[in-house]
Amino acid sequence: MKIAVTFDKNGDVFQHFGHTEQFKIYEIENNNIVSSHVLSSDGEGHSALAQLLESENIDRLICGGIGGCAVSALSEAGIEIFAGITGNADNAVKAYLEGTLEQTTSPNCNHHGEHHHGEGHSCGHSCH
């Protein structure tokens, strides 16, 4: 299994999927991390990022904020999403392997620093 984490220069989960410049990719065997490396994404946008992860045969994505278009693109690629995650990337993967990482697949907008209420909200991002 392969897990991708949106990754910032401090080793934490990057909080805006559509603007992530790199992913940390973890290779998992027998519920253990056997290798990891950082993959540059060139920050090309939601669809391109989803295609990049699909081309890398990623099974799971751990990320911070993510929009509806990205959720759709990743779901179509068969990638399971764990969104709204903060903190150290390595610790997030360890929590996933221990079964303690809470799964949220709903679009969220944590990266805007705003509080949104109600259904049908849009962050103003396009799906391109």
N, C-alpha and C. Protein backbone atom coordinates (compact mmCIF):
# COMPACT_ATOMS: atom_id res chain seq x y z
N MET A 1 0.85 -1.17 0.00
CA MET A 1 0.00 0.00 0.00
C MET A 1 0.90 1.23 0.00
N LYS A 2 0.40 2.30 -0.63
CA LYS A 2 1.11 3.57 -0.64
C LYS A 2 0.21 4.66 -0.06
N ILE A 3 0.78 5.45 0.84
CA ILE A 3 0.09 6.57 1.45
C ILE A 3 0.82 7.85 1.07
N ALA A 4 0.08 8.85 0.61
CA ALA A 4 0.64 10.17 0.32
C ALA A 4 0.15 11.14 1.37
N VAL A 5 1.03 12.03 1.81
CA VAL A 5 0.67 13.07 2.76
C VAL A 5 1.07 14.41 2.16
N THR A 6 0.15 15.38 2.15
CA THR A 6 0.55 16.73 1.75
C THR A 6 1.61 17.17 2.75
N PHE A 7 2.72 17.71 2.26
CA PHE A 7 3.92 17.83 3.09
C PHE A 7 4.49 19.23 3.01
N ASP A 8 4.79 19.84 4.18
CA ASP A 8 5.44 21.14 4.17
C ASP A 8 6.90 21.00 4.59
N LYS A 9 7.66 22.08 4.44
CA LYS A 9 9.10 22.04 4.69
C LYS A 9 9.46 21.76 6.14
N ASN A 10 8.49 21.90 7.06
CA ASN A 10 8.75 21.61 8.47
C ASN A 10 8.42 20.17 8.86
N GLY A 11 7.97 19.37 7.88
CA GLY A 11 7.63 17.98 8.16
C GLY A 11 6.19 17.78 8.59
N ASP A 12 5.39 18.83 8.49
CA ASP A 12 3.99 18.74 8.90
C ASP A 12 3.07 18.50 7.71
N VAL A 13 1.83 18.15 8.01
CA VAL A 13 0.80 17.98 6.99
C VAL A 13 0.47 19.38 6.45
N PHE A 14 0.67 19.59 5.15
CA PHE A 14 0.37 20.87 4.52
C PHE A 14 -1.14 21.05 4.49
N GLN A 15 -1.62 22.27 4.75
CA GLN A 15 -3.03 22.48 5.01
C GLN A 15 -3.90 22.88 3.82
N HIS A 16 -3.38 22.89 2.61
CA HIS A 16 -4.20 23.23 1.45
C HIS A 16 -3.85 22.31 0.29
N PHE A 17 -4.63 21.26 0.12
CA PHE A 17 -4.32 20.25 -0.90
C PHE A 17 -4.02 20.86 -2.26
N GLY A 18 -4.86 21.77 -2.73
CA GLY A 18 -4.72 22.31 -4.07
C GLY A 18 -3.49 23.15 -4.30
N HIS A 19 -2.78 23.50 -3.23
CA HIS A 19 -1.57 24.30 -3.37
C HIS A 19 -0.33 23.59 -2.85
N THR A 20 -0.45 22.31 -2.54
CA THR A 20 0.71 21.59 -2.00
C THR A 20 1.79 21.48 -3.08
N GLU A 21 3.01 21.75 -2.69
CA GLU A 21 4.13 21.66 -3.61
C GLU A 21 4.85 20.33 -3.51
N GLN A 22 4.56 19.58 -2.45
CA GLN A 22 5.19 18.27 -2.32
C GLN A 22 4.35 17.33 -1.46
N PHE A 23 4.52 16.07 -1.75
CA PHE A 23 3.90 15.01 -0.98
C PHE A 23 5.00 14.15 -0.39
N LYS A 24 4.77 13.62 0.79
CA LYS A 24 5.65 12.57 1.30
C LYS A 24 4.93 11.26 1.04
N ILE A 25 5.60 10.38 0.33
CA ILE A 25 5.03 9.10 -0.07
C ILE A 25 5.60 8.00 0.83
N TYR A 26 4.72 7.22 1.42
CA TYR A 26 5.11 6.14 2.32
C TYR A 26 4.72 4.81 1.69
N GLU A 27 5.66 3.88 1.64
CA GLU A 27 5.39 2.52 1.19
C GLU A 27 5.15 1.68 2.45
N ILE A 28 4.00 1.00 2.48
CA ILE A 28 3.59 0.23 3.66
C ILE A 28 3.53 -1.25 3.31
N GLU A 29 4.16 -2.06 4.14
CA GLU A 29 4.05 -3.52 4.02
C GLU A 29 3.84 -4.10 5.41
N ASN A 30 2.90 -5.02 5.52
CA ASN A 30 2.60 -5.66 6.81
C ASN A 30 2.38 -4.63 7.91
N ASN A 31 1.66 -3.56 7.56
CA ASN A 31 1.30 -2.49 8.49
C ASN A 31 2.51 -1.75 9.07
N ASN A 32 3.62 -1.75 8.34
CA ASN A 32 4.82 -1.03 8.74
C ASN A 32 5.32 -0.17 7.59
N ILE A 33 5.91 0.98 7.93
CA ILE A 33 6.53 1.84 6.92
C ILE A 33 7.85 1.20 6.53
N VAL A 34 7.99 0.87 5.24
CA VAL A 34 9.24 0.26 4.78
C VAL A 34 10.12 1.26 4.04
N SER A 35 9.52 2.33 3.53
CA SER A 35 10.30 3.39 2.89
C SER A 35 9.44 4.64 2.76
N SER A 36 10.11 5.76 2.53
CA SER A 36 9.40 7.01 2.26
C SER A 36 10.30 7.92 1.44
N HIS A 37 9.66 8.79 0.68
CA HIS A 37 10.40 9.79 -0.09
C HIS A 37 9.49 10.99 -0.35
N VAL A 38 10.09 12.12 -0.67
CA VAL A 38 9.33 13.32 -0.96
C VAL A 38 9.22 13.48 -2.47
N LEU A 39 8.00 13.73 -2.93
CA LEU A 39 7.69 13.88 -4.35
C LEU A 39 7.24 15.31 -4.60
N SER A 40 7.91 15.99 -5.53
CA SER A 40 7.50 17.34 -5.90
C SER A 40 6.26 17.27 -6.76
N SER A 41 5.33 18.21 -6.52
CA SER A 41 4.08 18.20 -7.28
C SER A 41 3.99 19.33 -8.29
N ASP A 42 4.85 20.30 -8.19
CA ASP A 42 4.80 21.51 -9.01
C ASP A 42 3.52 22.30 -8.77
N GLY A 43 2.73 21.96 -7.76
CA GLY A 43 1.54 22.72 -7.38
C GLY A 43 0.62 23.08 -8.53
N GLU A 44 0.26 22.10 -9.35
CA GLU A 44 -0.46 22.34 -10.59
C GLU A 44 -1.97 22.48 -10.47
N GLY A 45 -2.56 22.30 -9.31
CA GLY A 45 -4.01 22.40 -9.17
C GLY A 45 -4.63 21.05 -8.83
N HIS A 46 -5.91 21.10 -8.44
CA HIS A 46 -6.60 19.92 -7.91
C HIS A 46 -6.57 18.72 -8.84
N SER A 47 -6.96 18.90 -10.09
CA SER A 47 -7.04 17.76 -11.02
C SER A 47 -5.66 17.18 -11.30
N ALA A 48 -4.69 18.06 -11.54
CA ALA A 48 -3.33 17.59 -11.83
C ALA A 48 -2.74 16.86 -10.63
N LEU A 49 -3.02 17.35 -9.43
CA LEU A 49 -2.51 16.69 -8.22
C LEU A 49 -3.14 15.31 -8.07
N ALA A 50 -4.43 15.21 -8.32
CA ALA A 50 -5.10 13.91 -8.24
C ALA A 50 -4.51 12.95 -9.28
N GLN A 51 -4.25 13.44 -10.48
CA GLN A 51 -3.65 12.60 -11.52
C GLN A 51 -2.24 12.16 -11.14
N LEU A 52 -1.48 13.07 -10.54
CA LEU A 52 -0.13 12.72 -10.08
C LEU A 52 -0.19 11.59 -9.06
N LEU A 53 -1.08 11.71 -8.09
CA LEU A 53 -1.20 10.66 -7.07
C LEU A 53 -1.67 9.34 -7.68
N GLU A 54 -2.59 9.42 -8.62
CA GLU A 54 -3.04 8.20 -9.29
C GLU A 54 -1.89 7.55 -10.05
N SER A 55 -1.06 8.35 -10.72
CA SER A 55 0.07 7.80 -11.48
C SER A 55 1.12 7.16 -10.57
N GLU A 56 1.14 7.59 -9.31
CA GLU A 56 2.07 7.01 -8.33
C GLU A 56 1.46 5.80 -7.60
N ASN A 57 0.26 5.40 -8.02
CA ASN A 57 -0.43 4.25 -7.42
C ASN A 57 -0.69 4.44 -5.92
N ILE A 58 -1.12 5.65 -5.57
CA ILE A 58 -1.41 5.97 -4.17
C ILE A 58 -2.77 5.38 -3.79
N ASP A 59 -2.82 4.76 -2.62
CA ASP A 59 -4.06 4.16 -2.10
C ASP A 59 -4.79 5.08 -1.14
N ARG A 60 -4.04 5.86 -0.32
CA ARG A 60 -4.61 6.72 0.70
C ARG A 60 -3.94 8.09 0.62
N LEU A 61 -4.72 9.13 0.93
CA LEU A 61 -4.20 10.49 1.04
C LEU A 61 -4.53 11.03 2.41
N ILE A 62 -3.52 11.58 3.08
CA ILE A 62 -3.70 12.29 4.34
C ILE A 62 -3.40 13.75 4.04
N CYS A 63 -4.35 14.63 4.38
CA CYS A 63 -4.17 16.05 4.05
C CYS A 63 -4.87 16.93 5.07
N GLY A 64 -4.64 18.23 4.95
CA GLY A 64 -5.35 19.21 5.76
C GLY A 64 -6.62 19.60 5.04
N GLY A 65 -6.72 20.86 4.63
CA GLY A 65 -7.89 21.35 3.92
C GLY A 65 -7.96 20.82 2.50
N ILE A 66 -9.18 20.55 2.04
CA ILE A 66 -9.39 20.03 0.69
C ILE A 66 -10.78 20.46 0.22
N GLY A 67 -10.88 20.80 -1.04
CA GLY A 67 -12.15 21.23 -1.61
C GLY A 67 -12.92 20.11 -2.28
N GLY A 68 -14.15 20.40 -2.62
CA GLY A 68 -15.03 19.41 -3.23
C GLY A 68 -14.55 18.87 -4.55
N CYS A 69 -13.95 19.71 -5.38
CA CYS A 69 -13.45 19.25 -6.68
C CYS A 69 -12.33 18.22 -6.49
N ALA A 70 -11.44 18.50 -5.54
CA ALA A 70 -10.35 17.58 -5.27
C ALA A 70 -10.87 16.26 -4.70
N VAL A 71 -11.85 16.35 -3.80
CA VAL A 71 -12.44 15.13 -3.24
C VAL A 71 -13.02 14.28 -4.37
N SER A 72 -13.73 14.90 -5.30
CA SER A 72 -14.31 14.18 -6.44
C SER A 72 -13.23 13.53 -7.30
N ALA A 73 -12.20 14.31 -7.64
CA ALA A 73 -11.12 13.78 -8.49
C ALA A 73 -10.39 12.62 -7.83
N LEU A 74 -10.13 12.73 -6.54
CA LEU A 74 -9.44 11.66 -5.83
C LEU A 74 -10.33 10.43 -5.69
N SER A 75 -11.61 10.63 -5.43
CA SER A 75 -12.54 9.51 -5.33
C SER A 75 -12.62 8.76 -6.65
N GLU A 76 -12.68 9.51 -7.75
CA GLU A 76 -12.71 8.88 -9.08
C GLU A 76 -11.44 8.07 -9.34
N ALA A 77 -10.32 8.50 -8.76
CA ALA A 77 -9.05 7.78 -8.91
C ALA A 77 -8.93 6.61 -7.95
N GLY A 78 -9.93 6.43 -7.08
CA GLY A 78 -9.90 5.31 -6.13
C GLY A 78 -9.00 5.54 -4.93
N ILE A 79 -8.72 6.81 -4.62
CA ILE A 79 -7.85 7.14 -3.50
C ILE A 79 -8.71 7.50 -2.29
N GLU A 80 -8.49 6.79 -1.19
CA GLU A 80 -9.22 7.05 0.05
C GLU A 80 -8.62 8.26 0.74
N ILE A 81 -9.47 9.15 1.25
CA ILE A 81 -9.04 10.44 1.79
C ILE A 81 -9.22 10.50 3.30
N PHE A 82 -8.20 11.04 3.97
CA PHE A 82 -8.25 11.39 5.39
C PHE A 82 -7.93 12.88 5.45
N ALA A 83 -8.96 13.72 5.55
CA ALA A 83 -8.81 15.17 5.48
C ALA A 83 -8.94 15.81 6.86
N GLY A 84 -8.51 17.08 6.94
CA GLY A 84 -8.59 17.82 8.19
C GLY A 84 -7.53 17.43 9.20
N ILE A 85 -6.45 16.81 8.73
CA ILE A 85 -5.40 16.32 9.61
C ILE A 85 -4.34 17.41 9.80
N THR A 86 -3.88 17.58 11.01
CA THR A 86 -2.82 18.56 11.31
C THR A 86 -1.66 17.85 12.00
N GLY A 87 -0.54 18.56 12.12
CA GLY A 87 0.60 18.04 12.85
C GLY A 87 1.61 17.36 11.95
N ASN A 88 2.50 16.61 12.57
CA ASN A 88 3.61 15.95 11.91
C ASN A 88 3.13 14.87 10.95
N ALA A 89 3.67 14.85 9.74
CA ALA A 89 3.26 13.89 8.71
C ALA A 89 3.57 12.45 9.13
N ASP A 90 4.77 12.21 9.65
CA ASP A 90 5.14 10.85 10.07
C ASP A 90 4.19 10.35 11.15
N ASN A 91 3.85 11.22 12.10
CA ASN A 91 2.94 10.83 13.18
C ASN A 91 1.54 10.54 12.65
N ALA A 92 1.11 11.28 11.63
CA ALA A 92 -0.20 11.03 11.04
C ALA A 92 -0.25 9.65 10.40
N VAL A 93 0.81 9.27 9.71
CA VAL A 93 0.85 7.94 9.08
C VAL A 93 0.88 6.86 10.16
N LYS A 94 1.65 7.08 11.21
CA LYS A 94 1.69 6.10 12.31
C LYS A 94 0.31 5.94 12.94
N ALA A 95 -0.41 7.06 13.11
CA ALA A 95 -1.77 7.00 13.67
C ALA A 95 -2.68 6.22 12.73
N TYR A 96 -2.53 6.41 11.42
CA TYR A 96 -3.32 5.64 10.46
C TYR A 96 -3.04 4.14 10.64
N LEU A 97 -1.78 3.78 10.72
CA LEU A 97 -1.40 2.37 10.84
C LEU A 97 -1.90 1.77 12.16
N GLU A 98 -2.00 2.60 13.20
CA GLU A 98 -2.51 2.14 14.50
C GLU A 98 -4.04 2.14 14.56
N GLY A 99 -4.68 2.68 13.50
CA GLY A 99 -6.14 2.71 13.47
C GLY A 99 -6.74 3.85 14.28
N THR A 100 -5.93 4.86 14.61
CA THR A 100 -6.43 5.96 15.44
C THR A 100 -6.58 7.27 14.67
N LEU A 101 -6.32 7.28 13.38
CA LEU A 101 -6.49 8.49 12.58
C LEU A 101 -7.95 8.59 12.15
N GLU A 102 -8.61 9.67 12.54
CA GLU A 102 -10.02 9.83 12.23
C GLU A 102 -10.20 10.19 10.76
N GLN A 103 -11.06 9.43 10.08
CA GLN A 103 -11.27 9.67 8.65
C GLN A 103 -12.37 10.70 8.44
N THR A 104 -12.04 11.73 7.67
CA THR A 104 -13.00 12.73 7.23
C THR A 104 -12.80 12.89 5.74
N THR A 105 -13.82 12.64 4.97
CA THR A 105 -13.69 12.80 3.52
C THR A 105 -14.44 14.02 3.01
N SER A 106 -15.11 14.73 3.90
CA SER A 106 -15.89 15.89 3.49
C SER A 106 -14.98 17.05 3.10
N PRO A 107 -15.37 17.79 2.08
CA PRO A 107 -14.60 18.99 1.74
C PRO A 107 -14.59 19.95 2.93
N ASN A 108 -13.46 20.60 3.14
CA ASN A 108 -13.35 21.58 4.20
C ASN A 108 -12.50 22.74 3.69
N CYS A 109 -12.47 23.81 4.44
CA CYS A 109 -11.75 25.00 3.99
C CYS A 109 -10.88 25.55 5.09
N ASN A 110 -10.20 24.69 5.81
CA ASN A 110 -9.38 25.12 6.94
C ASN A 110 -8.33 26.14 6.55
N HIS A 111 -7.87 26.11 5.32
CA HIS A 111 -6.79 26.98 4.88
C HIS A 111 -7.20 28.44 4.76
N HIS A 112 -8.50 28.73 4.79
CA HIS A 112 -8.95 30.11 4.66
C HIS A 112 -9.00 30.83 6.00
N GLY A 113 -8.98 30.09 7.11
CA GLY A 113 -9.07 30.72 8.42
C GLY A 113 -10.44 31.35 8.67
N GLU A 114 -11.45 30.89 7.98
CA GLU A 114 -12.80 31.41 8.14
C GLU A 114 -13.68 30.30 8.68
N HIS A 115 -14.78 30.70 9.29
CA HIS A 115 -15.75 29.72 9.77
C HIS A 115 -16.95 29.76 8.84
N HIS A 116 -17.29 28.62 8.27
CA HIS A 116 -18.40 28.53 7.33
C HIS A 116 -19.48 27.66 7.95
N HIS A 117 -20.71 28.01 7.70
CA HIS A 117 -21.83 27.24 8.24
C HIS A 117 -22.81 26.91 7.13
N GLY A 118 -23.47 25.80 7.26
CA GLY A 118 -24.54 25.48 6.33
C GLY A 118 -24.09 24.66 5.14
N GLU A 119 -25.05 24.18 4.41
CA GLU A 119 -24.81 23.35 3.24
C GLU A 119 -24.54 24.22 2.02
N GLY A 120 -23.93 23.63 1.02
CA GLY A 120 -23.77 24.28 -0.26
C GLY A 120 -22.75 25.39 -0.29
N HIS A 121 -21.90 25.47 0.68
CA HIS A 121 -20.87 26.52 0.73
C HIS A 121 -19.83 26.25 -0.32
N SER A 122 -19.28 27.29 -0.85
CA SER A 122 -18.22 27.17 -1.85
C SER A 122 -17.03 28.00 -1.45
N CYS A 123 -15.84 27.46 -1.63
CA CYS A 123 -14.61 28.19 -1.33
C CYS A 123 -14.21 29.09 -2.47
N GLY A 124 -14.93 29.04 -3.57
CA GLY A 124 -14.60 29.87 -4.71
C GLY A 124 -13.55 29.28 -5.62
N HIS A 125 -13.15 28.05 -5.38
CA HIS A 125 -12.17 27.39 -6.25
C HIS A 125 -12.88 26.77 -7.44
N SER A 126 -12.22 26.76 -8.54
CA SER A 126 -12.76 26.04 -9.69
C SER A 126 -12.21 24.62 -9.67
N CYS A 127 -12.78 23.76 -10.47
CA CYS A 127 -12.34 22.35 -10.50
C CYS A 127 -11.24 22.11 -11.52
N HIS A 128 -10.52 23.11 -11.91
CA HIS A 128 -9.47 22.93 -12.93
C HIS A 128 -8.12 22.91 -12.32
